[in-house]
Amino acid sequence: MIELYSAIWHVSGRRQLILIVLSLGVAALSAVPLSYQKDIINALSNAEIDSAALFWMCAQMMGVILLSLSLKWVVSFRSGTLGEDIIRILRKRLYNEATAPDHSGNRTIPKGTLTTTISAEAEELGKFTGGAFSDPVVQLGTLIAVVGYIASSQPGLGIIALAMITPQVIIILSTQRKVNELVARRVRILRDTTNRIVSEEQGSDASRIEDEFDEIFETRRRMFLWKLSAKFAISTLNAAATVAVLIVGGWLVLQGRTDVGTVVAATMGLSRLQAPTSFLIAFYRQVSAARVKFELVRELLVEPDDNPARAA
């Protein structure tokens, strides 16, 4: 993974740095609307606010939201454009490598492999590159800001928020290695199948090609089992955390140890935590898959003398 990120930084370090700074701004603003929401609800509950003050607080809250959305728009546009630029660079590099003959005068990359890599693998890898740094900064920063706000308002509710995240991390770490193996297996089978299809002897390999289609299907089926089982467990944990906040928060309100606004803000905060948590889990999966595909693409770009498989 270090090699993957080193390569990304080498190609797009300056643009990644701009995205990181913008992403930190988005993360810093993530918990501010929760604070406004808490203050407004408590003020209304205690009849401590007039119409003018209510309007002003809501206008400030909307201003923060618009600023955050604007920064997100800029980050998304710049990361999307960067990803497309990396896709273009990869495709040019792969095409140039494929059209340059080796010492025996043959193409260095088989046509089927080149087609698969340029059309699918390069695009997936390039899209990942665009948000490789900014996406985790935004989501991880949001998690820290929201959990920190909940914990500062009511430590007990903050502990529940942390307890929701920890087992999800364990689940993903324990399942992703198997998914990575299946991703690499599927890519290699697809490359081999495409090579057979575009070769002159494809008629003699018809049964083998059909068997490989079945293999690809079975590989994807197993990937679905692992991913969906993990998703089910994580969704159950999210629902349990929301119920726990309502139970603990409601009990604290009845005991006079907290206010309704804090409980509402904590509940909303948990719902806001679910999005970045889910995203970070998906991002980790994407990083893992991108690392596998990076290794597979790099195999094609290594000089022939340095690639044992190709030299053989």
Protein backbone atom coordinates (compact mmCIF):
# COMPACT_ATOMS: atom_id res chain seq x y z
CA MET A 1 0.00 0.00 0.00
CA ILE A 2 2.93 2.32 0.69
CA GLU A 3 4.18 1.77 -2.86
CA LEU A 4 0.74 2.60 -4.25
CA TYR A 5 0.52 5.89 -2.34
CA SER A 6 4.13 6.75 -3.17
CA ALA A 7 3.36 6.35 -6.86
CA ILE A 8 0.23 8.49 -6.54
CA TRP A 9 2.12 11.25 -4.72
CA HIS A 10 4.93 11.15 -7.28
CA VAL A 11 2.47 11.75 -10.13
CA SER A 12 0.09 14.23 -8.47
CA GLY A 13 1.61 15.43 -5.18
CA ARG A 14 0.94 19.16 -5.62
CA ARG A 15 -2.69 18.68 -6.61
CA GLN A 16 -3.19 16.17 -3.78
CA LEU A 17 -1.86 18.72 -1.29
CA ILE A 18 -4.48 21.29 -2.40
CA LEU A 19 -7.20 18.65 -2.02
CA ILE A 20 -5.99 17.77 1.47
CA VAL A 21 -6.18 21.41 2.61
CA LEU A 22 -9.71 21.80 1.21
CA SER A 23 -10.74 18.49 2.80
CA LEU A 24 -9.53 19.65 6.21
CA GLY A 25 -11.82 22.67 5.84
CA VAL A 26 -14.79 20.40 5.13
CA ALA A 27 -13.99 18.21 8.14
CA ALA A 28 -13.57 21.22 10.44
CA LEU A 29 -17.09 22.43 9.60
CA SER A 30 -18.78 19.04 9.95
CA ALA A 31 -19.80 19.32 13.62
CA VAL A 32 -20.73 23.04 13.60
CA PRO A 33 -24.37 22.50 12.45
CA LEU A 34 -24.87 20.05 15.32
CA SER A 35 -23.87 22.77 17.79
CA TYR A 36 -26.37 25.21 16.26
CA GLN A 37 -29.05 22.52 16.30
CA LYS A 38 -28.47 21.79 19.97
CA ASP A 39 -28.56 25.49 20.95
CA ILE A 40 -31.72 26.18 18.93
CA ILE A 41 -33.63 23.20 20.36
CA ASN A 42 -32.63 24.00 23.95
CA ALA A 43 -33.50 27.68 23.51
CA LEU A 44 -36.92 26.78 22.11
CA SER A 45 -37.54 24.20 24.84
CA ASN A 46 -36.80 26.75 27.55
CA ALA A 47 -38.53 29.64 25.73
CA GLU A 48 -35.29 31.62 25.91
CA ILE A 49 -35.29 32.91 22.32
CA ASP A 50 -37.32 35.40 20.29
CA SER A 51 -38.12 35.38 16.56
CA ALA A 52 -35.22 37.64 15.55
CA ALA A 53 -32.65 35.56 17.46
CA LEU A 54 -34.11 32.34 16.04
CA PHE A 55 -33.88 33.71 12.50
CA TRP A 56 -30.29 34.85 13.03
CA MET A 57 -29.16 31.50 14.47
CA CYS A 58 -30.82 29.59 11.63
CA ALA A 59 -29.24 31.93 9.07
CA GLN A 60 -25.81 31.33 10.60
CA MET A 61 -26.39 27.58 10.56
CA MET A 62 -27.42 27.72 6.89
CA GLY A 63 -24.35 29.80 6.07
CA VAL A 64 -22.06 27.17 7.60
CA ILE A 65 -23.87 24.42 5.68
CA LEU A 66 -23.55 26.30 2.38
CA LEU A 67 -19.85 26.93 2.99
CA SER A 68 -19.31 23.24 3.73
CA LEU A 69 -21.26 22.19 0.61
CA SER A 70 -19.27 24.63 -1.52
CA LEU A 71 -15.98 23.22 -0.28
CA LYS A 72 -17.26 19.68 -0.92
CA TRP A 73 -18.18 20.70 -4.49
CA VAL A 74 -14.69 22.05 -5.12
CA VAL A 75 -13.07 18.93 -3.63
CA SER A 76 -15.28 16.61 -5.71
CA PHE A 77 -14.64 18.52 -8.93
CA ARG A 78 -10.88 18.69 -8.45
CA SER A 79 -10.56 15.05 -7.35
CA GLY A 80 -12.75 13.87 -10.25
CA THR A 81 -10.70 15.86 -12.75
CA LEU A 82 -7.46 14.57 -11.25
CA GLY A 83 -8.72 11.00 -11.48
CA GLU A 84 -9.56 11.41 -15.17
CA ASP A 85 -6.10 12.87 -15.81
CA ILE A 86 -4.47 9.85 -14.17
CA ILE A 87 -6.65 7.52 -16.26
CA ARG A 88 -5.41 9.30 -19.40
CA ILE A 89 -1.77 8.99 -18.28
CA LEU A 90 -2.16 5.28 -17.49
CA ARG A 91 -3.84 4.51 -20.80
CA LYS A 92 -1.15 6.33 -22.78
CA ARG A 93 1.58 4.52 -20.87
CA LEU A 94 -0.04 1.12 -21.35
CA TYR A 95 -0.66 1.74 -25.05
CA ASN A 96 2.91 2.90 -25.65
CA GLU A 97 4.23 -0.13 -23.77
CA ALA A 98 2.02 -2.46 -25.80
CA THR A 99 2.97 -1.01 -29.19
CA ALA A 100 6.72 -1.06 -28.44
CA PRO A 101 8.12 -4.42 -29.64
CA ASP A 102 10.44 -6.43 -27.42
CA HIS A 103 13.83 -7.85 -28.46
CA SER A 104 12.19 -10.56 -30.57
CA GLY A 105 9.96 -8.07 -32.41
CA ASN A 106 6.73 -9.13 -30.65
CA ARG A 107 4.35 -6.91 -28.73
CA THR A 108 5.20 -6.81 -25.05
CA ILE A 109 1.56 -6.96 -23.84
CA PRO A 110 -0.99 -9.40 -25.33
CA LYS A 111 -3.95 -7.71 -27.04
CA GLY A 112 -6.55 -9.23 -24.73
CA THR A 113 -4.72 -8.14 -21.60
CA LEU A 114 -4.20 -4.66 -23.06
CA THR A 115 -7.92 -4.31 -23.86
CA THR A 116 -8.99 -5.36 -20.37
CA THR A 117 -6.39 -3.21 -18.63
CA ILE A 118 -7.05 -0.03 -20.63
CA SER A 119 -10.84 -0.30 -20.53
CA ALA A 120 -11.41 -1.37 -16.92
CA GLU A 121 -8.37 -1.62 -14.67
CA ALA A 122 -6.85 1.75 -15.65
CA GLU A 123 -10.19 3.51 -15.11
CA GLU A 124 -10.79 2.01 -11.68
CA LEU A 125 -7.23 2.75 -10.58
CA GLY A 126 -7.38 6.33 -11.92
CA LYS A 127 -10.69 7.09 -10.22
CA PHE A 128 -9.26 5.88 -6.92
CA THR A 129 -6.21 8.11 -7.37
CA GLY A 130 -8.33 11.26 -7.59
CA GLY A 131 -9.61 10.88 -4.03
CA ALA A 132 -6.81 8.76 -2.58
CA PHE A 133 -5.85 11.44 -0.04
CA SER A 134 -8.80 13.86 0.11
CA ASP A 135 -11.59 11.31 0.62
CA PRO A 136 -10.18 9.72 3.80
CA VAL A 137 -9.20 13.16 5.15
CA VAL A 138 -12.79 14.42 4.79
CA GLN A 139 -14.42 11.34 6.25
CA LEU A 140 -11.90 10.64 9.02
CA GLY A 141 -11.91 14.33 9.95
CA THR A 142 -15.71 14.25 10.09
CA LEU A 143 -15.62 11.22 12.38
CA ILE A 144 -13.16 12.90 14.75
CA ALA A 145 -15.06 16.19 14.79
CA VAL A 146 -18.50 14.64 15.36
CA VAL A 147 -17.36 12.09 17.97
CA GLY A 148 -15.39 14.83 19.72
CA TYR A 149 -18.43 17.11 19.79
CA ILE A 150 -20.71 14.37 21.14
CA ALA A 151 -18.15 13.39 23.79
CA SER A 152 -17.65 17.00 24.88
CA SER A 153 -21.42 17.46 25.22
CA GLN A 154 -22.03 14.17 27.02
CA PRO A 155 -19.11 11.73 27.56
CA GLY A 156 -21.39 8.71 27.97
CA LEU A 157 -22.94 9.25 24.54
CA GLY A 158 -19.47 9.77 23.09
CA ILE A 159 -18.43 6.34 24.40
CA ILE A 160 -21.42 4.80 22.61
CA ALA A 161 -20.34 6.50 19.38
CA LEU A 162 -16.83 5.08 19.71
CA ALA A 163 -18.23 1.66 20.60
CA MET A 164 -20.18 1.72 17.34
CA ILE A 165 -17.04 2.28 15.24
CA THR A 166 -14.55 -0.16 16.81
CA PRO A 167 -16.26 -3.49 15.97
CA GLN A 168 -16.90 -2.29 12.43
CA VAL A 169 -13.17 -1.83 11.92
CA ILE A 170 -12.53 -5.34 13.26
CA ILE A 171 -15.12 -6.84 10.91
CA ILE A 172 -13.65 -5.17 7.83
CA LEU A 173 -10.04 -6.03 8.66
CA SER A 174 -11.00 -9.68 9.17
CA THR A 175 -12.89 -10.01 5.87
CA GLN A 176 -11.03 -7.77 3.42
CA ARG A 177 -8.00 -10.03 2.93
CA LYS A 178 -10.23 -12.75 1.48
CA VAL A 179 -11.97 -10.23 -0.76
CA ASN A 180 -8.58 -9.02 -2.04
CA GLU A 181 -7.62 -12.56 -3.02
CA LEU A 182 -10.87 -12.92 -4.95
CA VAL A 183 -10.35 -9.57 -6.71
CA ALA A 184 -6.88 -10.57 -7.93
CA ARG A 185 -8.15 -13.98 -9.02
CA ARG A 186 -11.01 -12.46 -10.99
CA VAL A 187 -8.74 -9.97 -12.80
CA ARG A 188 -6.24 -12.64 -13.79
CA ILE A 189 -8.95 -15.00 -15.07
CA LEU A 190 -10.55 -12.17 -17.07
CA ARG A 191 -7.22 -11.25 -18.64
CA ASP A 192 -6.54 -14.86 -19.65
CA THR A 193 -10.03 -15.28 -21.07
CA THR A 194 -9.77 -12.08 -23.11
CA ASN A 195 -6.41 -13.21 -24.49
CA ARG A 196 -7.97 -16.48 -25.63
CA ILE A 197 -10.90 -14.71 -27.26
CA VAL A 198 -8.70 -12.42 -29.37
CA SER A 199 -6.20 -15.16 -30.28
CA GLU A 200 -6.35 -16.96 -33.60
CA GLU A 201 -6.96 -20.34 -31.92
CA GLN A 202 -10.05 -19.22 -30.02
CA GLY A 203 -12.20 -21.99 -31.58
CA SER A 204 -10.14 -24.70 -29.94
CA ASP A 205 -10.44 -22.95 -26.55
CA ALA A 206 -14.23 -22.49 -26.60
CA SER A 207 -14.92 -24.92 -23.76
CA ARG A 208 -12.07 -23.51 -21.68
CA ILE A 209 -13.40 -19.97 -22.19
CA GLU A 210 -16.86 -21.00 -21.03
CA ASP A 211 -15.35 -22.66 -17.95
CA GLU A 212 -13.48 -19.45 -17.16
CA PHE A 213 -16.74 -17.47 -17.44
CA ASP A 214 -18.15 -19.83 -14.83
CA GLU A 215 -15.05 -19.27 -12.68
CA ILE A 216 -15.50 -15.49 -12.89
CA PHE A 217 -19.14 -15.86 -11.83
CA GLU A 218 -18.23 -18.07 -8.88
CA THR A 219 -15.50 -15.65 -7.79
CA ARG A 220 -17.91 -12.70 -7.83
CA ARG A 221 -20.54 -14.75 -5.99
CA ARG A 222 -18.07 -15.43 -3.18
CA MET A 223 -17.12 -11.75 -3.07
CA PHE A 224 -20.81 -10.85 -2.65
CA LEU A 225 -21.13 -13.30 0.26
CA TRP A 226 -18.20 -11.76 2.13
CA LYS A 227 -19.15 -8.14 1.43
CA LEU A 228 -22.88 -8.43 2.14
CA SER A 229 -22.33 -10.42 5.34
CA ALA A 230 -20.01 -7.68 6.62
CA LYS A 231 -22.53 -5.01 5.57
CA PHE A 232 -25.32 -6.81 7.47
CA ALA A 233 -23.24 -6.93 10.65
CA ILE A 234 -22.27 -3.25 10.35
CA SER A 235 -25.87 -2.11 9.75
CA THR A 236 -26.94 -4.05 12.85
CA LEU A 237 -24.27 -2.29 14.92
CA ASN A 238 -25.41 1.13 13.63
CA ALA A 239 -29.03 0.44 14.57
CA ALA A 240 -28.02 -0.85 18.02
CA ALA A 241 -25.97 2.30 18.64
CA THR A 242 -28.92 4.58 17.81
CA VAL A 243 -31.18 2.65 20.18
CA ALA A 244 -28.49 2.76 22.89
CA VAL A 245 -28.16 6.55 22.58
CA LEU A 246 -31.93 6.95 22.93
CA ILE A 247 -31.99 4.68 26.01
CA VAL A 248 -28.99 6.24 27.75
CA GLY A 249 -29.78 9.79 26.66
CA GLY A 250 -33.45 9.46 27.64
CA TRP A 251 -32.46 8.12 31.06
CA LEU A 252 -30.03 11.03 31.57
CA VAL A 253 -32.77 13.52 30.64
CA LEU A 254 -35.17 11.91 33.12
CA GLN A 255 -32.45 12.12 35.78
CA GLY A 256 -31.88 15.78 34.97
CA ARG A 257 -28.24 15.14 34.01
CA THR A 258 -28.51 16.34 30.41
CA ASP A 259 -30.92 18.18 28.13
CA VAL A 260 -33.10 17.19 25.20
CA GLY A 261 -31.00 19.19 22.76
CA THR A 262 -27.90 17.14 23.59
CA VAL A 263 -29.76 13.86 23.02
CA VAL A 264 -31.18 15.09 19.71
CA ALA A 265 -27.77 16.35 18.61
CA ALA A 266 -26.16 13.03 19.62
CA THR A 267 -28.78 11.07 17.69
CA MET A 268 -28.26 13.25 14.63
CA GLY A 269 -24.53 12.98 15.15
CA LEU A 270 -24.75 9.18 15.06
CA SER A 271 -26.63 9.35 11.77
CA ARG A 272 -23.90 11.64 10.47
CA LEU A 273 -21.27 9.20 11.71
CA GLN A 274 -22.80 6.35 9.75
CA ALA A 275 -22.08 8.01 6.40
CA PRO A 276 -18.34 8.64 6.96
CA THR A 277 -17.94 5.29 8.71
CA SER A 278 -19.56 3.49 5.79
CA PHE A 279 -17.47 5.53 3.39
CA LEU A 280 -14.21 4.76 5.19
CA ILE A 281 -15.07 1.08 5.17
CA ALA A 282 -15.82 1.24 1.45
CA PHE A 283 -12.67 3.30 0.95
CA TYR A 284 -10.57 0.71 2.73
CA ARG A 285 -12.02 -1.92 0.43
CA GLN A 286 -11.28 0.33 -2.53
CA VAL A 287 -7.70 0.89 -1.36
CA SER A 288 -7.21 -2.84 -1.00
CA ALA A 289 -8.64 -3.53 -4.46
CA ALA A 290 -6.65 -0.65 -5.97
CA ARG A 291 -3.45 -2.02 -4.43
CA VAL A 292 -4.11 -5.39 -6.06
CA LYS A 293 -4.83 -3.77 -9.43
CA PHE A 294 -1.82 -1.48 -9.08
CA GLU A 295 0.40 -4.53 -8.70
CA LEU A 296 -1.25 -6.18 -11.70
CA VAL A 297 -0.87 -3.09 -13.89
CA ARG A 298 2.70 -2.54 -12.73
CA GLU A 299 3.53 -6.05 -13.87
CA LEU A 300 2.71 -4.96 -17.41
CA LEU A 301 4.84 -1.81 -17.22
CA VAL A 302 8.01 -3.42 -15.84
CA GLU A 303 10.82 -3.63 -18.35
CA PRO A 304 10.95 -7.07 -20.02
CA ASP A 305 14.44 -7.85 -18.62
CA ASP A 306 13.18 -7.13 -15.10
CA ASN A 307 9.97 -9.18 -15.37
CA PRO A 308 10.70 -12.87 -14.76
CA ALA A 309 7.25 -13.97 -15.84
CA ARG A 310 7.51 -12.14 -19.12
CA ALA A 311 11.07 -13.21 -19.74
CA ALA A 312 10.05 -16.82 -19.27
